[in-house]
């Protein structure tokens, strides 16, 4: 996902992070200067849905304009490779003992 706050704000003639911060405060969202800087110029790792809703209300847009999907950047994790074949119907799978994690028994 690509965070697109600056472009969405620029389309509405909001060119400075301080102006955006003031508008957000008018709508009830008080953001620190550091967090606003991260939202304005960076790629936030997380954002609260309540905050996203207020940002959308201030800009008059939807989340789809702020969060742009980039399909080429998602990589699916590979499935673990196993040398075992699945058991067929009516056939039981091989059982391998596993060492139990945790504490050992107390001494006698």
PDB file of N, CA and C in Angstrom:
ATOM      1  N   UNK A   1       0.835  -1.175   0.000  1.00  0.00           N
ATOM      2  CA  UNK A   1       0.000   0.000   0.000  1.00  0.00           C
ATOM      3  C   UNK A   1       0.884   1.243   0.000  1.00  0.00           C
ATOM      4  N   UNK A   2       0.427   2.228  -0.709  1.00  0.00           N
ATOM      5  CA  UNK A   2       1.152   3.492  -0.765  1.00  0.00           C
ATOM      6  C   UNK A   2       0.312   4.564  -0.080  1.00  0.00           C
ATOM      7  N   UNK A   3       0.922   5.311   0.820  1.00  0.00           N
ATOM      8  CA  UNK A   3       0.254   6.394   1.546  1.00  0.00           C
ATOM      9  C   UNK A   3       0.307   7.642   0.673  1.00  0.00           C
ATOM     10  N   UNK A   4      -0.848   8.240   0.431  1.00  0.00           N
ATOM     11  CA  UNK A   4      -0.974   9.292  -0.555  1.00  0.00           C
ATOM     12  C   UNK A   4      -1.525  10.590   0.038  1.00  0.00           C
ATOM     13  N   UNK A   5      -1.232  10.891   1.285  1.00  0.00           N
ATOM     14  CA  UNK A   5      -1.817  12.055   1.956  1.00  0.00           C
ATOM     15  C   UNK A   5      -1.415  13.365   1.293  1.00  0.00           C
ATOM     16  N   UNK A   6      -0.152  13.514   0.952  1.00  0.00           N
ATOM     17  CA  UNK A   6       0.301  14.794   0.385  1.00  0.00           C
ATOM     18  C   UNK A   6      -0.397  15.130  -0.920  1.00  0.00           C
ATOM     19  N   UNK A   7      -0.538  14.156  -1.789  1.00  0.00           N
ATOM     20  CA  UNK A   7      -1.188  14.416  -3.070  1.00  0.00           C
ATOM     21  C   UNK A   7      -2.676  14.700  -2.875  1.00  0.00           C
ATOM     22  N   UNK A   8      -3.320  13.942  -1.990  1.00  0.00           N
ATOM     23  CA  UNK A   8      -4.743  14.171  -1.719  1.00  0.00           C
ATOM     24  C   UNK A   8      -4.952  15.561  -1.129  1.00  0.00           C
ATOM     25  N   UNK A   9      -4.048  16.005  -0.267  1.00  0.00           N
ATOM     26  CA  UNK A   9      -4.154  17.343   0.319  1.00  0.00           C
ATOM     27  C   UNK A   9      -3.863  18.417  -0.729  1.00  0.00           C
ATOM     28  N   UNK A  10      -2.884  18.187  -1.582  1.00  0.00           N
ATOM     29  CA  UNK A  10      -2.532  19.169  -2.610  1.00  0.00           C
ATOM     30  C   UNK A  10      -3.689  19.398  -3.580  1.00  0.00           C
ATOM     31  N   UNK A  11      -4.453  18.363  -3.860  1.00  0.00           N
ATOM     32  CA  UNK A  11      -5.620  18.510  -4.743  1.00  0.00           C
ATOM     33  C   UNK A  11      -6.667  19.439  -4.138  1.00  0.00           C
ATOM     34  N   UNK A  12      -6.568  19.649  -2.826  1.00  0.00           N
ATOM     35  CA  UNK A  12      -7.523  20.514  -2.124  1.00  0.00           C
ATOM     36  C   UNK A  12      -6.846  21.797  -1.632  1.00  0.00           C
ATOM     37  N   UNK A  13      -5.741  22.152  -2.261  1.00  0.00           N
ATOM     38  CA  UNK A  13      -4.974  23.363  -1.946  1.00  0.00           C
ATOM     39  C   UNK A  13      -4.466  23.411  -0.512  1.00  0.00           C
ATOM     40  N   UNK A  14      -4.100  22.278   0.035  1.00  0.00           N
ATOM     41  CA  UNK A  14      -3.443  22.219   1.342  1.00  0.00           C
ATOM     42  C   UNK A  14      -2.000  21.824   1.056  1.00  0.00           C
ATOM     43  N   UNK A  15      -1.077  22.773   1.261  1.00  0.00           N
ATOM     44  CA  UNK A  15       0.297  22.556   0.848  1.00  0.00           C
ATOM     45  C   UNK A  15       1.261  22.344   2.000  1.00  0.00           C
ATOM     46  N   UNK A  16       0.837  22.642   3.223  1.00  0.00           N
ATOM     47  CA  UNK A  16       1.738  22.530   4.372  1.00  0.00           C
ATOM     48  C   UNK A  16       1.164  21.573   5.407  1.00  0.00           C
ATOM     49  N   UNK A  17       2.064  20.860   6.064  1.00  0.00           N
ATOM     50  CA  UNK A  17       1.641  19.941   7.123  1.00  0.00           C
ATOM     51  C   UNK A  17       0.995  20.708   8.270  1.00  0.00           C
ATOM     52  N   UNK A  18       1.478  21.924   8.532  1.00  0.00           N
ATOM     53  CA  UNK A  18       0.896  22.720   9.625  1.00  0.00           C
ATOM     54  C   UNK A  18      -0.549  23.108   9.325  1.00  0.00           C
ATOM     55  N   UNK A  19      -0.860  23.381   8.055  1.00  0.00           N
ATOM     56  CA  UNK A  19      -2.248  23.690   7.681  1.00  0.00           C
ATOM     57  C   UNK A  19      -3.137  22.464   7.854  1.00  0.00           C
ATOM     58  N   UNK A  20      -2.615  21.322   7.463  1.00  0.00           N
ATOM     59  CA  UNK A  20      -3.376  20.076   7.611  1.00  0.00           C
ATOM     60  C   UNK A  20      -3.587  19.765   9.085  1.00  0.00           C
ATOM     61  N   UNK A  21      -2.573  19.974   9.877  1.00  0.00           N
ATOM     62  CA  UNK A  21      -2.665  19.718  11.320  1.00  0.00           C
ATOM     63  C   UNK A  21      -3.718  20.621  11.963  1.00  0.00           C
ATOM     64  N   UNK A  22      -3.771  21.883  11.548  1.00  0.00           N
ATOM     65  CA  UNK A  22      -4.764  22.820  12.071  1.00  0.00           C
ATOM     66  C   UNK A  22      -6.177  22.375  11.692  1.00  0.00           C
ATOM     67  N   UNK A  23      -6.370  21.944  10.445  1.00  0.00           N
ATOM     68  CA  UNK A  23      -7.689  21.472  10.006  1.00  0.00           C
ATOM     69  C   UNK A  23      -8.118  20.217  10.767  1.00  0.00           C
ATOM     70  N   UNK A  24      -7.168  19.327  11.010  1.00  0.00           N
ATOM     71  CA  UNK A  24      -7.486  18.120  11.776  1.00  0.00           C
ATOM     72  C   UNK A  24      -7.888  18.480  13.203  1.00  0.00           C
ATOM     73  N   UNK A  25      -7.196  19.451  13.797  1.00  0.00           N
ATOM     74  CA  UNK A  25      -7.524  19.884  15.159  1.00  0.00           C
ATOM     75  C   UNK A  25      -8.924  20.494  15.207  1.00  0.00           C
ATOM     76  N   UNK A  26      -9.308  21.212  14.162  1.00  0.00           N
ATOM     77  CA  UNK A  26     -10.656  21.788  14.097  1.00  0.00           C
ATOM     78  C   UNK A  26     -11.730  20.704  14.053  1.00  0.00           C
ATOM     79  N   UNK A  27     -11.372  19.541  13.555  1.00  0.00           N
ATOM     80  CA  UNK A  27     -12.312  18.407  13.479  1.00  0.00           C
ATOM     81  C   UNK A  27     -12.166  17.450  14.660  1.00  0.00           C
ATOM     82  N   UNK A  28     -11.356  17.829  15.652  1.00  0.00           N
ATOM     83  CA  UNK A  28     -11.254  17.030  16.868  1.00  0.00           C
ATOM     84  C   UNK A  28     -10.096  16.059  16.935  1.00  0.00           C
ATOM     85  N   UNK A  29      -9.183  16.108  15.982  1.00  0.00           N
ATOM     86  CA  UNK A  29      -8.034  15.204  15.998  1.00  0.00           C
ATOM     87  C   UNK A  29      -6.766  16.013  16.258  1.00  0.00           C
ATOM     88  N   UNK A  30      -6.241  15.912  17.461  1.00  0.00           N
ATOM     89  CA  UNK A  30      -5.016  16.615  17.823  1.00  0.00           C
ATOM     90  C   UNK A  30      -3.841  15.670  17.607  1.00  0.00           C
ATOM     91  N   UNK A  31      -2.938  16.079  16.729  1.00  0.00           N
ATOM     92  CA  UNK A  31      -1.788  15.248  16.368  1.00  0.00           C
ATOM     93  C   UNK A  31      -0.515  15.999  16.736  1.00  0.00           C
ATOM     94  N   UNK A  32       0.454  15.292  17.294  1.00  0.00           N
ATOM     95  CA  UNK A  32       1.743  15.915  17.616  1.00  0.00           C
ATOM     96  C   UNK A  32       2.464  16.293  16.322  1.00  0.00           C
ATOM     97  N   UNK A  33       3.414  17.201  16.456  1.00  0.00           N
ATOM     98  CA  UNK A  33       4.179  17.650  15.293  1.00  0.00           C
ATOM     99  C   UNK A  33       4.933  16.476  14.666  1.00  0.00           C
ATOM    100  N   UNK A  34       5.499  15.608  15.505  1.00  0.00           N
ATOM    101  CA  UNK A  34       6.246  14.457  14.995  1.00  0.00           C
ATOM    102  C   UNK A  34       5.370  13.478  14.237  1.00  0.00           C
ATOM    103  N   UNK A  35       4.197  13.192  14.785  1.00  0.00           N
ATOM    104  CA  UNK A  35       3.286  12.263  14.108  1.00  0.00           C
ATOM    105  C   UNK A  35       2.774  12.873  12.807  1.00  0.00           C
ATOM    106  N   UNK A  36       2.495  14.188  12.828  1.00  0.00           N
ATOM    107  CA  UNK A  36       2.032  14.848  11.606  1.00  0.00           C
ATOM    108  C   UNK A  36       3.112  14.819  10.543  1.00  0.00           C
ATOM    109  N   UNK A  37       4.360  15.004  10.962  1.00  0.00           N
ATOM    110  CA  UNK A  37       5.473  14.943  10.018  1.00  0.00           C
ATOM    111  C   UNK A  37       5.565  13.562   9.381  1.00  0.00           C
ATOM    112  N   UNK A  38       5.373  12.520  10.183  1.00  0.00           N
ATOM    113  CA  UNK A  38       5.409  11.153   9.657  1.00  0.00           C
ATOM    114  C   UNK A  38       4.252  10.902   8.695  1.00  0.00           C
ATOM    115  N   UNK A  39       3.060  11.372   9.040  1.00  0.00           N
ATOM    116  CA  UNK A  39       1.908  11.195   8.151  1.00  0.00           C
ATOM    117  C   UNK A  39       2.093  11.980   6.856  1.00  0.00           C
ATOM    118  N   UNK A  40       2.680  13.164   6.965  1.00  0.00           N
ATOM    119  CA  UNK A  40       2.802  14.056   5.819  1.00  0.00           C
ATOM    120  C   UNK A  40       3.899  13.609   4.853  1.00  0.00           C
ATOM    121  N   UNK A  41       5.046  13.236   5.389  1.00  0.00           N
ATOM    122  CA  UNK A  41       6.181  12.970   4.502  1.00  0.00           C
ATOM    123  C   UNK A  41       6.635  11.523   4.474  1.00  0.00           C
ATOM    124  N   UNK A  42       6.057  10.688   5.292  1.00  0.00           N
ATOM    125  CA  UNK A  42       6.523   9.310   5.351  1.00  0.00           C
ATOM    126  C   UNK A  42       5.473   8.302   4.944  1.00  0.00           C
ATOM    127  N   UNK A  43       5.766   7.088   5.252  1.00  0.00           N
ATOM    128  CA  UNK A  43       4.873   5.961   5.006  1.00  0.00           C
ATOM    129  C   UNK A  43       4.538   5.380   6.370  1.00  0.00           C
ATOM    130  N   UNK A  44       3.404   5.778   6.979  1.00  0.00           N
ATOM    131  CA  UNK A  44       3.107   5.287   8.327  1.00  0.00           C
ATOM    132  C   UNK A  44       2.932   3.774   8.340  1.00  0.00           C
ATOM    133  N   UNK A  45       3.427   3.140   9.392  1.00  0.00           N
ATOM    134  CA  UNK A  45       3.289   1.690   9.501  1.00  0.00           C
ATOM    135  C   UNK A  45       1.896   1.305   9.957  1.00  0.00           C
ATOM    136  N   UNK A  46       1.249   2.204  10.691  1.00  0.00           N
ATOM    137  CA  UNK A  46      -0.125   1.939  11.120  1.00  0.00           C
ATOM    138  C   UNK A  46      -0.849   3.261  11.303  1.00  0.00           C
ATOM    139  N   UNK A  47      -2.171   3.192  11.211  1.00  0.00           N
ATOM    140  CA  UNK A  47      -3.000   4.364  11.443  1.00  0.00           C
ATOM    141  C   UNK A  47      -4.320   3.881  12.014  1.00  0.00           C
ATOM    142  N   UNK A  48      -4.788   4.569  13.031  1.00  0.00           N
ATOM    143  CA  UNK A  48      -6.059   4.191  13.648  1.00  0.00           C
ATOM    144  C   UNK A  48      -7.195   4.505  12.684  1.00  0.00           C
ATOM    145  N   UNK A  49      -8.203   3.674  12.685  1.00  0.00           N
ATOM    146  CA  UNK A  49      -9.336   3.883  11.789  1.00  0.00           C
ATOM    147  C   UNK A  49     -10.078   5.170  12.117  1.00  0.00           C
ATOM    148  N   UNK A  50     -10.154   5.521  13.398  1.00  0.00           N
ATOM    149  CA  UNK A  50     -10.796   6.782  13.783  1.00  0.00           C
ATOM    150  C   UNK A  50     -10.038   7.970  13.184  1.00  0.00           C
ATOM    151  N   UNK A  51      -8.702   7.911  13.236  1.00  0.00           N
ATOM    152  CA  UNK A  51      -7.885   8.982  12.664  1.00  0.00           C
ATOM    153  C   UNK A  51      -8.065   9.042  11.148  1.00  0.00           C
ATOM    154  N   UNK A  52      -8.095   7.891  10.512  1.00  0.00           N
ATOM    155  CA  UNK A  52      -8.281   7.834   9.064  1.00  0.00           C
ATOM    156  C   UNK A  52      -9.628   8.429   8.670  1.00  0.00           C
ATOM    157  N   UNK A  53     -10.648   8.160   9.460  1.00  0.00           N
ATOM    158  CA  UNK A  53     -11.978   8.694   9.174  1.00  0.00           C
ATOM    159  C   UNK A  53     -11.983  10.221   9.246  1.00  0.00           C
ATOM    160  N   UNK A  54     -11.305  10.787  10.233  1.00  0.00           N
ATOM    161  CA  UNK A  54     -11.254  12.246  10.360  1.00  0.00           C
ATOM    162  C   UNK A  54     -10.433  12.858   9.225  1.00  0.00           C
ATOM    163  N   UNK A  55      -9.332  12.223   8.861  1.00  0.00           N
ATOM    164  CA  UNK A  55      -8.525  12.719   7.741  1.00  0.00           C
ATOM    165  C   UNK A  55      -9.359  12.728   6.465  1.00  0.00           C
ATOM    166  N   UNK A  56     -10.126  11.672   6.256  1.00  0.00           N
ATOM    167  CA  UNK A  56     -10.992  11.608   5.073  1.00  0.00           C
ATOM    168  C   UNK A  56     -12.063  12.696   5.119  1.00  0.00           C
ATOM    169  N   UNK A  57     -12.610  12.968   6.301  1.00  0.00           N
ATOM    170  CA  UNK A  57     -13.633  14.011   6.436  1.00  0.00           C
ATOM    171  C   UNK A  57     -13.047  15.389   6.132  1.00  0.00           C
ATOM    172  N   UNK A  58     -11.834  15.648   6.614  1.00  0.00           N
ATOM    173  CA  UNK A  58     -11.189  16.940   6.365  1.00  0.00           C
ATOM    174  C   UNK A  58     -10.918  17.126   4.881  1.00  0.00           C
ATOM    175  N   UNK A  59     -10.453  16.075   4.228  1.00  0.00           N
ATOM    176  CA  UNK A  59     -10.105  16.176   2.809  1.00  0.00           C
ATOM    177  C   UNK A  59     -11.298  15.950   1.886  1.00  0.00           C
ATOM    178  N   UNK A  60     -12.387  15.446   2.430  1.00  0.00           N
ATOM    179  CA  UNK A  60     -13.549  15.167   1.587  1.00  0.00           C
ATOM    180  C   UNK A  60     -13.277  14.051   0.598  1.00  0.00           C
ATOM    181  N   UNK A  61     -12.605  13.020   1.065  1.00  0.00           N
ATOM    182  CA  UNK A  61     -12.262  11.897   0.191  1.00  0.00           C
ATOM    183  C   UNK A  61     -12.517  10.592   0.923  1.00  0.00           C
ATOM    184  N   UNK A  62     -12.292   9.498   0.243  1.00  0.00           N
ATOM    185  CA  UNK A  62     -12.422   8.183   0.849  1.00  0.00           C
ATOM    186  C   UNK A  62     -11.056   7.590   1.129  1.00  0.00           C
ATOM    187  N   UNK A  63     -11.014   6.503   1.892  1.00  0.00           N
ATOM    188  CA  UNK A  63      -9.734   5.855   2.191  1.00  0.00           C
ATOM    189  C   UNK A  63      -9.005   5.373   0.938  1.00  0.00           C
ATOM    190  N   UNK A  64      -9.763   5.091  -0.125  1.00  0.00           N
ATOM    191  CA  UNK A  64      -9.137   4.604  -1.354  1.00  0.00           C
ATOM    192  C   UNK A  64      -8.276   5.669  -2.027  1.00  0.00           C
ATOM    193  N   UNK A  65      -8.508   6.940  -1.701  1.00  0.00           N
ATOM    194  CA  UNK A  65      -7.667   7.996  -2.259  1.00  0.00           C
ATOM    195  C   UNK A  65      -6.397   8.198  -1.427  1.00  0.00           C
ATOM    196  N   UNK A  66      -6.462   7.822  -0.154  1.00  0.00           N
ATOM    197  CA  UNK A  66      -5.294   7.962   0.718  1.00  0.00           C
ATOM    198  C   UNK A  66      -4.411   6.722   0.701  1.00  0.00           C
ATOM    199  N   UNK A  67      -5.013   5.563   0.572  1.00  0.00           N
ATOM    200  CA  UNK A  67      -4.273   4.299   0.545  1.00  0.00           C
ATOM    201  C   UNK A  67      -4.398   3.702  -0.847  1.00  0.00           C
ATOM    202  N   UNK A  68      -3.316   3.705  -1.571  1.00  0.00           N
ATOM    203  CA  UNK A  68      -3.341   3.205  -2.944  1.00  0.00           C
ATOM    204  C   UNK A  68      -2.686   1.837  -2.979  1.00  0.00           C
ATOM    205  N   UNK A  69      -3.404   0.897  -3.535  1.00  0.00           N
ATOM    206  CA  UNK A  69      -2.929  -0.485  -3.614  1.00  0.00           C
ATOM    207  C   UNK A  69      -1.828  -0.604  -4.657  1.00  0.00           C
ATOM    208  N   UNK A  70      -0.774  -1.311  -4.298  1.00  0.00           N
ATOM    209  CA  UNK A  70       0.328  -1.594  -5.215  1.00  0.00           C
ATOM    210  C   UNK A  70       0.490  -3.106  -5.310  1.00  0.00           C
ATOM    211  N   UNK A  71      -0.189  -3.744  -6.259  1.00  0.00           N
ATOM    212  CA  UNK A  71      -0.189  -5.208  -6.299  1.00  0.00           C
ATOM    213  C   UNK A  71       1.181  -5.837  -6.514  1.00  0.00           C
ATOM    214  N   UNK A  72       2.086  -5.170  -7.156  1.00  0.00           N
ATOM    215  CA  UNK A  72       3.392  -5.754  -7.435  1.00  0.00           C
ATOM    216  C   UNK A  72       4.303  -5.857  -6.225  1.00  0.00           C
ATOM    217  N   UNK A  73       3.957  -5.199  -5.128  1.00  0.00           N
ATOM    218  CA  UNK A  73       4.847  -5.185  -3.970  1.00  0.00           C
ATOM    219  C   UNK A  73       4.539  -6.266  -2.947  1.00  0.00           C
ATOM    220  N   UNK A  74       3.447  -6.974  -3.110  1.00  0.00           N
ATOM    221  CA  UNK A  74       3.073  -8.012  -2.146  1.00  0.00           C
ATOM    222  C   UNK A  74       3.685  -9.329  -2.583  1.00  0.00           C
ATOM    223  N   UNK A  75       4.389  -9.962  -1.659  1.00  0.00           N
ATOM    224  CA  UNK A  75       5.004 -11.255  -1.948  1.00  0.00           C
ATOM    225  C   UNK A  75       4.398 -12.290  -1.018  1.00  0.00           C
ATOM    226  N   UNK A  76       3.882 -13.332  -1.591  1.00  0.00           N
ATOM    227  CA  UNK A  76       3.287 -14.397  -0.796  1.00  0.00           C
ATOM    228  C   UNK A  76       4.393 -15.247  -0.196  1.00  0.00           C
ATOM    229  N   UNK A  77       4.224 -15.601   1.059  1.00  0.00           N
ATOM    230  CA  UNK A  77       5.212 -16.447   1.707  1.00  0.00           C
ATOM    231  C   UNK A  77       5.100 -17.862   1.151  1.00  0.00           C
ATOM    232  N   UNK A  78       6.247 -18.460   0.913  1.00  0.00           N
ATOM    233  CA  UNK A  78       6.274 -19.816   0.379  1.00  0.00           C
ATOM    234  C   UNK A  78       5.791 -20.804   1.432  1.00  0.00           C
ATOM    235  N   UNK A  79       5.110 -21.828   0.989  1.00  0.00           N
ATOM    236  CA  UNK A  79       4.661 -22.886   1.878  1.00  0.00           C
ATOM    237  C   UNK A  79       5.869 -23.725   2.275  1.00  0.00           C
ATOM    238  N   UNK A  80       5.922 -24.182   3.513  1.00  0.00           N
ATOM    239  CA  UNK A  80       7.058 -25.010   3.913  1.00  0.00           C
ATOM    240  C   UNK A  80       7.098 -26.306   3.098  1.00  0.00           C
ATOM    241  N   UNK A  81       8.293 -26.682   2.710  1.00  0.00           N
ATOM    242  CA  UNK A  81       8.471 -27.888   1.912  1.00  0.00           C
ATOM    243  C   UNK A  81       8.507 -29.092   2.844  1.00  0.00           C
ATOM    244  N   UNK A  82       7.670 -30.070   2.557  1.00  0.00           N
ATOM    245  CA  UNK A  82       7.667 -31.300   3.344  1.00  0.00           C
ATOM    246  C   UNK A  82       7.908 -32.467   2.411  1.00  0.00           C
ATOM    247  N   UNK A  83       8.626 -33.451   2.910  1.00  0.00           N
ATOM    248  CA  UNK A  83       8.893 -34.617   2.083  1.00  0.00           C
ATOM    249  C   UNK A  83       7.837 -35.699   2.301  1.00  0.00           C
ATOM    250  N   UNK A  84       6.858 -35.407   3.124  1.00  0.00           N
ATOM    251  CA  UNK A  84       5.820 -36.394   3.389  1.00  0.00           C
ATOM    252  C   UNK A  84       4.667 -36.198   2.418  1.00  0.00           C
ATOM    253  N   UNK A  85       4.081 -37.291   2.018  1.00  0.00           N
ATOM    254  CA  UNK A  85       2.900 -37.193   1.168  1.00  0.00           C
ATOM    255  C   UNK A  85       1.680 -37.293   2.067  1.00  0.00           C
ATOM    256  N   UNK A  86       0.585 -36.666   1.692  1.00  0.00           N
ATOM    257  CA  UNK A  86      -0.610 -36.759   2.530  1.00  0.00           C
ATOM    258  C   UNK A  86      -1.158 -38.181   2.539  1.00  0.00           C
ATOM    259  N   UNK A  87      -1.782 -38.557   3.629  1.00  0.00           N
ATOM    260  CA  UNK A  87      -2.351 -39.897   3.751  1.00  0.00           C
ATOM    261  C   UNK A  87      -3.569 -40.021   2.847  1.00  0.00           C
ATOM    262  N   UNK A  88      -3.689 -41.147   2.196  1.00  0.00           N
ATOM    263  CA  UNK A  88      -4.849 -41.411   1.352  1.00  0.00           C
ATOM    264  C   UNK A  88      -6.019 -41.840   2.225  1.00  0.00           C
ATOM    265  N   UNK A  89      -7.181 -41.871   1.643  1.00  0.00           N
ATOM    266  CA  UNK A  89      -8.372 -42.279   2.387  1.00  0.00           C
ATOM    267  C   UNK A  89      -8.188 -43.714   2.859  1.00  0.00           C
ATOM    268  N   UNK A  90      -8.439 -43.951   4.131  1.00  0.00           N
ATOM    269  CA  UNK A  90      -8.306 -45.284   4.694  1.00  0.00           C
ATOM    270  C   UNK A  90      -6.886 -45.632   5.090  1.00  0.00           C
ATOM    271  N   UNK A  91      -5.965 -44.749   4.897  1.00  0.00           N
ATOM    272  CA  UNK A  91      -4.565 -44.992   5.220  1.00  0.00           C
ATOM    273  C   UNK A  91      -4.154 -43.989   6.296  1.00  0.00           C
ATOM    274  N   UNK A  92      -3.416 -44.443   7.281  1.00  0.00           N
ATOM    275  CA  UNK A  92      -3.008 -43.512   8.336  1.00  0.00           C
ATOM    276  C   UNK A  92      -1.656 -42.902   7.990  1.00  0.00           C
ATOM    277  N   UNK A  93      -1.486 -41.666   8.366  1.00  0.00           N
ATOM    278  CA  UNK A  93      -0.224 -40.972   8.107  1.00  0.00           C
ATOM    279  C   UNK A  93       0.839 -41.484   9.074  1.00  0.00           C
ATOM    280  N   UNK A  94       2.082 -41.400   8.662  1.00  0.00           N
ATOM    281  CA  UNK A  94       3.178 -41.829   9.525  1.00  0.00           C
ATOM    282  C   UNK A  94       3.230 -40.929  10.755  1.00  0.00           C
ATOM    283  N   UNK A  95       3.418 -41.548  11.900  1.00  0.00           N
ATOM    284  CA  UNK A  95       3.490 -40.799  13.151  1.00  0.00           C
ATOM    285  C   UNK A  95       4.941 -40.761  13.590  1.00  0.00           C
ATOM    286  N   UNK A  96       5.417 -39.557  13.832  1.00  0.00           N
ATOM    287  CA  UNK A  96       6.791 -39.395  14.291  1.00  0.00           C
ATOM    288  C   UNK A  96       6.757 -38.810  15.688  1.00  0.00           C
ATOM    289  N   UNK A  97       7.518 -39.397  16.601  1.00  0.00           N
ATOM    290  CA  UNK A  97       7.533 -38.843  17.961  1.00  0.00           C
ATOM    291  C   UNK A  97       8.215 -37.475  17.965  1.00  0.00           C
ATOM    292  N   UNK A  98       7.692 -36.604  18.805  1.00  0.00           N
ATOM    293  CA  UNK A  98       8.281 -35.279  18.951  1.00  0.00           C
ATOM    294  C   UNK A  98       8.667 -35.071  20.401  1.00  0.00           C
ATOM    295  N   UNK A  99       9.768 -34.424  20.586  1.00  0.00           N
ATOM    296  CA  UNK A  99      10.184 -34.111  21.942  1.00  0.00           C
ATOM    297  C   UNK A  99       9.240 -33.055  22.500  1.00  0.00           C
ATOM    298  N   UNK A 100       8.836 -33.275  23.696  1.00  0.00           N
ATOM    299  CA  UNK A 100       7.900 -32.369  24.335  1.00  0.00           C
ATOM    300  C   UNK A 100       8.648 -31.170  24.904  1.00  0.00           C
ATOM    301  N   UNK A 101       8.159 -29.995  24.601  1.00  0.00           N
ATOM    302  CA  UNK A 101       8.784 -28.783  25.121  1.00  0.00           C
ATOM    303  C   UNK A 101       8.295 -28.527  26.536  1.00  0.00           C
ATOM    304  N   UNK A 102       9.080 -27.843  27.296  1.00  0.00           N
ATOM    305  CA  UNK A 102       8.662 -27.509  28.646  1.00  0.00           C
ATOM    306  C   UNK A 102       9.582 -28.117  29.675  1.00  0.00           C
ATOM    307  N   UNK A 103       9.101 -28.212  30.868  1.00  0.00           N
ATOM    308  CA  UNK A 103       9.920 -28.710  31.971  1.00  0.00           C
ATOM    309  C   UNK A 103      10.023 -30.223  31.968  1.00  0.00           C
ATOM    310  N   UNK A 104      11.094 -30.684  32.553  1.00  0.00           N
ATOM    311  CA  UNK A 104      11.237 -32.129  32.739  1.00  0.00           C
ATOM    312  C   UNK A 104      10.623 -32.497  34.086  1.00  0.00           C
ATOM    313  N   UNK A 105      10.504 -33.768  34.342  1.00  0.00           N
ATOM    314  CA  UNK A 105       9.943 -34.225  35.614  1.00  0.00           C
ATOM    315  C   UNK A 105      10.934 -33.968  36.744  1.00  0.00           C
ATOM    316  N   UNK A 106      10.445 -33.756  37.962  1.00  0.00           N
ATOM    317  CA  UNK A 106      11.360 -33.538  39.086  1.00  0.00           C
ATOM    318  C   UNK A 106      12.107 -34.822  39.420  1.00  0.00           C
ATOM    319  N   UNK A 107      13.266 -34.717  40.052  1.00  0.00           N
ATOM    320  CA  UNK A 107      14.024 -35.922  40.404  1.00  0.00           C
ATOM    321  C   UNK A 107      13.256 -36.751  41.434  1.00  0.00           C
ATOM    322  N   UNK A 108      13.475 -38.100  41.431  1.00  0.00           N
ATOM    323  CA  UNK A 108      12.739 -38.969  42.367  1.00  0.00           C
ATOM    324  C   UNK A 108      13.169 -38.804  43.805  1.00  0.00           C
TER     325      UNK A 108
END
